[in-house]
Protein backbone atom coordinates (compact mmCIF):
# COMPACT_ATOMS: atom_id res chain seq x y z
CA MET A 1 19.48 0.78 21.72
CA LYS A 2 18.02 0.76 18.79
CA ARG A 3 15.37 -1.47 20.05
CA LEU A 4 14.21 0.99 22.16
CA LEU A 5 14.65 3.61 19.57
CA LEU A 6 11.98 1.30 17.24
CA ALA A 7 9.70 0.57 20.62
CA GLY A 8 9.62 4.64 21.00
CA ILE A 9 8.37 4.86 17.29
CA ALA A 10 6.33 2.60 17.48
CA ALA A 11 4.54 3.66 20.45
CA PHE A 12 4.28 7.26 19.01
CA ALA A 13 2.70 6.01 15.87
CA LEU A 14 0.77 4.24 18.06
CA ALA A 15 -0.56 7.35 19.67
CA ALA A 16 -0.88 9.57 16.82
CA ILE A 17 -3.98 8.40 14.69
CA PRO A 18 -3.73 10.35 11.25
CA ALA A 19 -6.95 12.47 9.68
CA PRO A 20 -9.00 10.36 7.60
CA PRO A 21 -7.89 10.44 4.47
CA GLY A 22 -8.99 13.37 1.35
CA GLN A 23 -10.44 16.01 5.03
CA ALA A 24 -6.12 16.81 5.41
CA HIS A 25 -3.20 18.02 2.75
CA LEU A 26 -0.23 15.57 4.64
CA LEU A 27 3.78 16.53 4.46
CA LEU A 28 5.93 13.81 4.47
CA SER A 29 9.53 13.68 5.37
CA ALA A 30 11.92 10.98 4.41
CA ASN A 31 14.81 10.85 7.41
CA ASP A 32 18.20 9.45 6.90
CA ASN A 33 19.84 8.76 9.90
CA LYS A 34 23.19 6.85 8.49
CA VAL A 35 25.34 9.56 7.67
CA VAL A 36 25.67 13.00 9.59
CA LEU A 37 27.54 15.92 8.54
CA GLU A 38 31.07 17.13 10.64
CA ASN A 39 32.75 20.28 9.42
CA GLY A 40 31.91 20.11 5.94
CA VAL A 41 32.56 15.78 6.37
CA VAL A 42 30.09 13.15 5.55
CA ARG A 43 30.58 10.58 8.43
CA ILE A 44 28.38 7.17 7.96
CA LEU A 45 27.72 5.79 11.58
CA ARG A 46 28.56 2.32 12.52
CA GLU A 47 25.33 1.68 14.37
CA PRO A 48 22.54 3.92 13.35
CA GLN A 49 19.02 4.65 14.09
CA PRO A 50 16.52 3.95 12.10
CA ASP A 51 15.27 5.54 9.18
CA THR A 52 11.59 7.30 9.50
CA LEU A 53 8.85 8.73 7.63
CA SER A 54 7.07 11.43 9.43
CA ILE A 55 3.85 12.46 8.28
CA PHE A 56 2.19 16.29 9.10
CA ASP A 57 -1.34 17.09 8.74
CA LEU A 58 -1.25 20.23 7.23
CA SER A 59 -4.93 21.10 7.93
CA ALA A 60 -3.94 22.23 11.36
CA SER A 61 -2.24 25.28 12.00
CA PRO A 62 0.55 24.81 12.93
CA PRO A 63 1.00 21.77 10.87
CA ALA A 64 0.86 18.67 13.55
CA LEU A 65 2.85 15.31 13.59
CA ARG A 66 0.31 12.51 13.54
CA ALA A 67 2.90 9.83 12.94
CA GLU A 68 6.64 8.84 12.74
CA ILE A 69 7.63 5.47 11.82
CA ALA A 70 10.29 3.53 10.34
CA VAL A 71 11.10 3.39 6.94
CA PRO A 72 14.28 3.13 5.05
CA ALA A 73 15.74 6.37 3.24
CA SER A 74 18.26 8.27 1.91
CA VAL A 75 20.02 11.56 1.94
CA VAL A 76 21.81 10.28 -1.48
CA GLY A 77 20.35 11.51 -4.82
CA PRO A 78 18.04 13.90 -5.44
CA PRO A 79 15.20 15.08 -2.39
CA ASN A 80 12.75 13.57 -4.51
CA SER A 81 12.46 10.48 -3.16
CA VAL A 82 8.69 11.05 -1.55
CA ALA A 83 5.73 10.71 -3.48
CA ILE A 84 1.40 10.42 -2.22
CA THR A 85 -0.96 8.73 -4.17
CA PRO A 86 -3.26 11.52 -5.15
CA ASP A 87 -6.14 10.64 -2.76
CA GLU A 88 -3.62 10.70 -0.16
CA ARG A 89 -3.48 7.07 0.66
CA LEU A 90 -0.49 5.33 -0.34
CA ALA A 91 3.01 6.86 0.21
CA LEU A 92 6.54 5.26 -2.02
CA VAL A 93 9.63 6.02 -0.07
CA THR A 94 12.94 5.09 -1.75
CA ALA A 95 16.44 4.67 0.04
CA ASN A 96 19.41 5.31 -2.90
CA GLN A 97 21.49 3.75 0.01
CA ARG A 98 21.66 0.78 2.78
CA PRO A 99 23.55 0.13 5.53
CA ASN A 100 26.29 -2.92 4.30
CA PRO A 101 25.28 -5.62 6.77
CA ALA A 102 28.95 -7.53 6.06
CA GLU A 103 30.97 -3.79 6.77
CA PRO A 104 29.53 -1.52 9.44
CA GLY A 105 30.01 2.24 8.70
CA ARG A 106 29.66 1.96 5.18
CA LEU A 107 26.52 1.56 2.52
CA VAL A 108 25.72 -0.12 -0.44
CA PRO A 109 23.25 0.58 -3.57
CA GLY A 110 20.18 -0.14 -2.03
CA ASN A 111 17.45 -1.86 -4.54
CA THR A 112 14.02 -1.39 -2.35
CA MET A 113 11.27 1.03 -2.29
CA ALA A 114 8.96 0.80 0.75
CA VAL A 115 4.91 1.26 0.00
CA ILE A 116 3.20 2.99 3.23
CA ASP A 117 -0.55 2.82 4.11
CA LEU A 118 -1.07 6.02 5.21
CA ALA A 119 -5.12 4.83 5.73
CA ALA A 120 -4.04 2.86 8.41
CA ALA A 121 -3.66 3.56 12.45
CA PRO A 122 -1.06 4.09 12.47
CA PRO A 123 0.32 4.18 9.13
CA ARG A 124 2.30 0.87 8.18
CA ILE A 125 4.45 -0.74 6.00
CA LEU A 126 2.38 -1.99 3.49
CA ALA A 127 5.33 -3.65 1.46
CA THR A 128 8.37 -3.50 0.24
CA LEU A 129 8.87 -4.06 -3.47
CA PRO A 130 12.55 -4.43 -5.67
CA THR A 131 13.83 -1.86 -8.05
CA GLY A 132 16.68 -1.39 -9.81
CA ALA A 133 20.59 -0.28 -8.03
CA GLY A 134 20.23 2.57 -6.32
CA PRO A 135 16.68 3.77 -6.57
CA ALA A 136 16.65 7.32 -6.11
CA GLY A 137 13.83 9.82 -7.40
CA VAL A 138 9.77 8.56 -7.54
CA SER A 139 7.28 10.09 -9.52
CA ILE A 140 3.27 9.00 -9.11
CA ASN A 141 0.95 10.16 -12.34
CA ARG A 142 -1.99 12.91 -11.44
CA ALA A 143 -4.52 9.48 -11.97
CA GLY A 144 -2.66 7.64 -9.51
CA SER A 145 -2.44 4.60 -11.93
CA MET A 146 1.31 4.41 -12.44
CA ALA A 147 4.58 5.23 -10.75
CA LEU A 148 8.24 5.37 -11.75
CA VAL A 149 11.45 5.10 -9.87
CA ALA A 150 14.89 6.07 -11.10
CA ASN A 151 17.38 3.87 -10.43
CA ARG A 152 20.33 5.45 -10.60
CA ALA A 153 23.08 3.17 -9.96
CA GLU A 154 21.64 1.23 -13.19
CA GLY A 155 20.67 3.71 -15.59
CA THR A 156 16.87 2.57 -15.83
CA VAL A 157 13.43 3.32 -14.71
CA SER A 158 11.29 1.04 -13.22
CA ILE A 159 7.49 1.18 -13.21
CA PHE A 160 5.24 0.24 -10.88
CA ARG A 161 1.11 -0.33 -11.26
CA ILE A 162 -1.49 1.16 -8.17
CA HIS A 163 -4.46 -0.77 -8.47
CA HIS A 164 -7.37 -0.77 -6.05
CA GLY A 165 -4.67 0.22 -3.23
CA GLN A 166 -2.23 -2.39 -4.17
CA VAL A 167 1.28 -1.14 -5.92
CA THR A 168 3.32 -4.15 -8.22
CA PRO A 169 6.48 -3.67 -10.18
CA HIS A 170 5.33 -3.70 -13.80
CA GLY A 171 8.91 -3.90 -15.44
CA LYS A 172 12.01 -1.32 -16.58
CA VAL A 173 12.78 1.15 -18.96
CA ASP A 174 15.96 1.23 -20.07
CA ILE A 175 17.53 5.02 -20.11
CA GLY A 176 21.38 4.97 -20.22
CA PRO A 177 24.82 3.11 -18.83
CA VAL A 178 25.10 3.45 -15.17
CA SER A 179 27.78 6.10 -15.28
CA ALA A 180 24.32 8.47 -16.76
CA GLU A 181 23.55 8.37 -13.12
CA VAL A 182 19.59 8.40 -13.48
CA SER A 183 18.57 10.60 -10.60
CA HIS A 184 14.85 12.05 -11.28
CA VAL A 185 11.68 11.50 -13.12
CA ALA A 186 8.56 13.42 -13.41
CA PHE A 187 5.42 13.25 -14.56
CA ALA A 188 3.67 15.87 -17.06
CA PRO A 189 0.32 16.78 -15.94
CA ASP A 190 -1.34 14.91 -18.66
CA GLY A 191 0.18 11.61 -17.73
CA ARG A 192 1.38 10.96 -21.13
CA HIS A 193 5.11 12.35 -21.42
CA ALA A 194 8.01 12.14 -18.64
CA LEU A 195 11.23 13.52 -17.74
CA VAL A 196 14.43 11.51 -16.68
CA THR A 197 17.50 13.50 -15.20
CA ARG A 198 20.89 12.47 -15.94
CA ASN A 199 23.13 13.23 -13.60
CA GLY A 200 26.18 11.65 -14.61
CA ASP A 201 25.97 13.08 -18.84
CA HIS A 202 24.35 17.05 -18.72
CA MET A 203 20.87 15.73 -20.06
CA LEU A 204 17.52 15.33 -20.19
CA ASN A 205 15.35 12.09 -21.52
CA VAL A 206 11.87 12.34 -22.41
CA LEU A 207 9.44 9.47 -21.64
CA GLN A 208 6.71 8.79 -23.79
CA ILE A 209 3.67 6.86 -22.17
CA ASP A 210 0.89 4.96 -23.75
CA GLY A 211 -1.20 3.36 -21.30
CA GLU A 212 0.68 1.19 -18.94
CA ARG A 213 3.52 1.17 -22.21
CA VAL A 214 6.88 3.30 -21.17
CA VAL A 215 8.86 4.08 -24.06
CA LYS A 216 11.93 6.24 -24.12
CA LEU A 217 12.21 8.66 -26.81
CA ASP A 218 15.61 10.09 -29.11
CA ARG A 219 15.10 13.54 -27.66
CA GLU A 220 17.90 14.62 -25.47
CA ILE A 221 17.81 17.54 -23.74
CA THR A 222 21.11 19.61 -23.27
CA THR A 223 20.69 21.39 -19.67
CA GLY A 224 23.64 22.79 -17.03
CA VAL A 225 25.96 20.81 -15.39
CA ARG A 226 24.53 17.40 -13.93
CA PRO A 227 21.30 17.63 -13.84
CA TYR A 228 19.00 16.29 -10.26
CA GLY A 229 16.44 17.60 -9.07
CA LEU A 230 13.77 18.01 -11.20
CA SER A 231 10.08 19.95 -10.98
CA VAL A 232 7.35 20.06 -13.63
CA ALA A 233 4.61 22.55 -13.43
CA PRO A 234 1.18 21.69 -12.79
CA ASP A 235 -0.82 23.13 -15.72
CA GLY A 236 2.23 21.17 -17.63
CA ARG A 237 3.60 24.45 -19.45
CA TRP A 238 7.22 24.36 -18.46
CA ALA A 239 9.46 21.71 -16.12
CA VAL A 240 12.58 23.28 -14.60
CA VAL A 241 16.09 21.63 -13.10
CA ALA A 242 18.52 22.08 -10.61
CA ASN A 243 21.80 21.80 -12.39
CA LEU A 244 24.24 20.29 -9.34
CA GLY A 245 27.21 21.43 -10.28
CA ARG A 246 31.01 20.11 -9.13
CA GLY A 247 30.54 21.42 -6.01
CA THR A 248 34.06 23.25 -6.22
CA GLY A 249 32.51 26.67 -5.05
CA ASP A 250 31.31 28.06 -8.23
CA ALA A 251 27.92 29.62 -8.87
CA ASP A 252 25.35 26.88 -10.50
CA THR A 253 22.32 27.03 -11.77
CA VAL A 254 18.71 25.90 -12.58
CA SER A 255 17.15 25.53 -16.21
CA LEU A 256 13.96 26.10 -17.40
CA VAL A 257 12.65 23.99 -20.03
CA ASP A 258 9.97 24.54 -22.70
CA LEU A 259 6.86 21.70 -22.76
CA THR A 260 4.85 24.04 -24.87
CA ARG A 261 6.05 22.44 -28.30
CA GLU A 262 7.57 19.64 -29.38
CA PRO A 263 10.56 18.71 -29.05
CA TYR A 264 11.15 20.26 -25.97
CA ARG A 265 13.72 22.32 -25.08
CA VAL A 266 15.72 24.32 -22.70
CA VAL A 267 14.97 28.26 -23.34
CA ASP A 268 16.59 29.74 -20.25
CA THR A 269 19.23 28.71 -17.62
CA ILE A 270 19.77 31.55 -14.27
CA SER A 271 22.45 30.92 -11.81
CA VAL A 272 21.46 30.46 -8.00
CA GLY A 273 24.46 30.24 -5.92
CA GLN A 274 26.63 26.92 -5.00
CA THR A 275 24.66 23.46 -5.69
CA PRO A 276 21.01 23.37 -5.93
CA GLU A 277 19.78 20.62 -4.48
CA GLY A 278 15.77 20.46 -4.23
CA VAL A 279 13.89 22.55 -6.87
CA THR A 280 9.74 22.57 -6.87
CA ALA A 281 7.22 24.60 -8.74
CA SER A 282 4.32 26.27 -7.74
CA PRO A 283 0.50 25.34 -7.32
CA ASP A 284 0.04 28.16 -9.39
CA GLY A 285 2.73 27.84 -11.77
CA ARG A 286 3.97 31.29 -10.85
CA HIS A 287 7.44 30.37 -9.16
CA VAL A 288 10.17 27.78 -8.68
CA ALA A 289 11.42 27.44 -5.28
CA VAL A 290 15.25 26.38 -5.44
CA THR A 291 17.05 25.26 -2.20
CA VAL A 292 20.67 26.56 -2.18
CA MET A 293 23.29 24.31 0.14
CA ASN A 294 25.36 27.65 -0.43
CA GLY A 295 28.49 26.60 0.93
CA SER A 296 26.84 25.65 4.04
CA ASN A 297 27.94 22.04 3.54
CA LYS A 298 31.31 22.95 3.32
CA PRO A 299 33.96 23.30 6.37
CA LYS A 300 33.65 26.86 7.98
CA ASP A 301 37.03 27.65 7.25
CA SER A 302 36.57 27.12 3.48
CA PRO A 303 36.39 30.56 1.75
CA PHE A 304 32.82 29.04 0.36
CA HIS A 305 31.20 28.12 3.53
CA GLY A 306 27.95 30.46 3.78
CA PRO A 307 24.70 29.95 5.02
CA GLY A 308 21.98 27.74 3.62
CA LEU A 309 19.60 29.11 1.51
CA VAL A 310 16.13 29.03 -0.59
CA ARG A 311 15.69 31.04 -3.12
CA LEU A 312 12.49 32.30 -4.83
CA LEU A 313 12.94 32.52 -8.75
CA ARG A 314 9.37 34.07 -11.10
CA VAL A 315 8.96 32.17 -14.16
CA GLU A 316 7.20 34.80 -17.01
CA GLN A 317 6.88 34.67 -20.59
CA MET A 318 9.33 31.49 -20.30
CA ARG A 319 12.11 33.22 -18.38
CA LEU A 320 13.66 32.83 -15.40
CA THR A 321 13.82 36.00 -12.44
CA MET A 322 15.13 36.08 -8.76
CA VAL A 323 12.34 37.57 -6.59
CA SER A 324 13.41 36.64 -2.93
CA GLU A 325 15.79 34.82 -0.62
CA ALA A 326 15.78 33.41 2.58
CA ARG A 327 18.06 31.77 5.41
CA VAL A 328 17.42 28.41 6.20
CA GLY A 329 19.26 25.17 7.51
CA ALA A 330 22.65 23.00 6.55
CA TRP A 331 22.70 20.98 3.69
CA ALA A 332 19.03 21.43 3.18
CA GLN A 333 17.51 19.27 0.91
CA GLY A 334 13.87 19.30 -0.12
CA ALA A 335 11.24 22.07 -0.96
CA ALA A 336 7.38 21.29 -0.86
CA PHE A 337 4.72 24.13 -1.23
CA ALA A 338 1.20 23.63 0.51
CA PRO A 339 -1.93 23.12 -1.68
CA ASP A 340 -2.17 27.07 -1.47
CA GLY A 341 0.86 28.34 -2.42
CA ARG A 342 1.10 30.63 1.05
CA THR A 343 3.69 28.70 3.05
CA LEU A 344 6.97 26.95 1.59
CA PHE A 345 8.81 24.02 3.95
CA VAL A 346 12.20 23.10 3.65
CA GLY A 347 14.04 20.21 4.77
CA ASN A 348 17.01 20.33 6.91
CA MET A 349 19.56 17.77 7.18
CA VAL A 350 22.02 19.17 9.62
CA GLU A 351 19.22 20.35 12.05
CA LYS A 352 16.83 17.76 12.04
CA ASP A 353 13.97 19.99 10.60
CA ILE A 354 11.62 21.34 8.29
CA SER A 355 11.58 25.65 7.87
CA VAL A 356 8.32 27.08 7.47
CA LEU A 357 8.80 30.12 5.17
CA ARG A 358 5.80 32.52 4.12
CA VAL A 359 5.17 33.64 0.64
CA GLY A 360 4.15 36.79 -0.29
CA GLU A 361 1.96 38.17 -2.85
CA ASP A 362 4.79 39.36 -4.13
CA GLY A 363 7.11 36.13 -3.97
CA ARG A 364 9.04 37.33 -1.10
CA LEU A 365 9.79 35.05 1.74
CA SER A 366 9.50 35.50 5.13
CA GLU A 367 9.29 33.56 8.89
CA GLY A 368 5.80 31.31 8.95
CA GLY A 369 6.22 30.09 11.94
CA PRO A 370 8.52 27.44 13.96
CA ARG A 371 10.30 25.01 12.30
CA LEU A 372 9.01 21.31 12.67
CA ARG A 373 11.04 18.87 14.09
CA VAL A 374 11.92 15.07 12.66
CA SER A 375 13.36 12.41 14.09
CA GLY A 376 16.77 12.26 11.83
CA GLY A 377 18.35 14.47 8.82
CA SER A 378 15.06 15.61 7.02
CA ALA A 379 16.02 14.41 3.17
CA ALA A 380 13.29 14.69 0.92
CA LEU A 381 9.55 16.01 1.39
CA GLY A 382 6.81 14.90 -0.26
CA ILE A 383 3.46 17.00 -0.77
CA VAL A 384 0.24 15.90 -2.92
CA GLN A 385 0.99 18.94 -5.69
CA ARG A 386 -2.14 20.37 -7.46
CA ALA A 387 -2.84 22.91 -10.03
CA GLY A 388 -4.21 26.04 -8.28
CA ARG A 389 -4.50 29.39 -6.47
């Protein structure tokens, strides 16, 4: 069965030729086929189908699936495990967990990152590179010359050099003990700083970048409970952090970090509901989208069960306010704005698809088209973020 699926994926990829890089805006979905959610219980499959990467062309309407290839992925960790170079020629995908070959139905921390050649027809894995244990969030700087990977099971951030279409390891930065659960790392637009979420001990670290040298500063920023997902505004004025919480049915939060003055600091925190997972800034820096599980990952008879939601927040004068919300799928993960900021995509693990939502000028969310099907649970979304609109 597994061989048949791989053959099918390969055949589809061969038939699907992507638009030339630079002419298409791409949306990528990393899809996990190792785990399923059954009435609030996560089950690990003994003989899973391969994880995949779905590649959509946003210059088509509706977005066109250009290729789908087998690439290791993982729903464990923030839904920030996909990054694309600014020229849309390469993609990086981490897999926080992988099957244990010695014990079917069990997972162990991953230790690799896939480099995908998006310019090839069909797209293909160009290299598989070593990371630290449990690689999770990955980011690429605006210059397209460096990538950083948060190693959740190791307490480090891996550094990678990107040069002439090649990605090579370039060392690590120690962040904290393994118990810190380093989850995501995101560059500031100027490329001279990055922020790191520490899910295990409720804080952010600041990295200073000078050329290819990356150093952790002493500054530790206190956030809400279990900071996880992270996004930096395209103009670099602020960042937002999704505080995952304890999953006990209580309302959780999103924090706003002021990056206009040093030392950086949290200046506002807003309640958004149960378990905010994905968080992303809009291209114009006016809004933040956050996926909220809202109990959709709990048993149906749980008093905390509810439909999956995405909520849109406005950022104004360094304050967060709620603007609108929309229903999405269960166990929703990543969120990504289209380059013009008028469309919002949300990945749904249970339904194995991507919600498409329209963003009005007033920030109101509405249905923006049919959902995009993918071959697995959509665990993370990736898109090149550009300031504008």
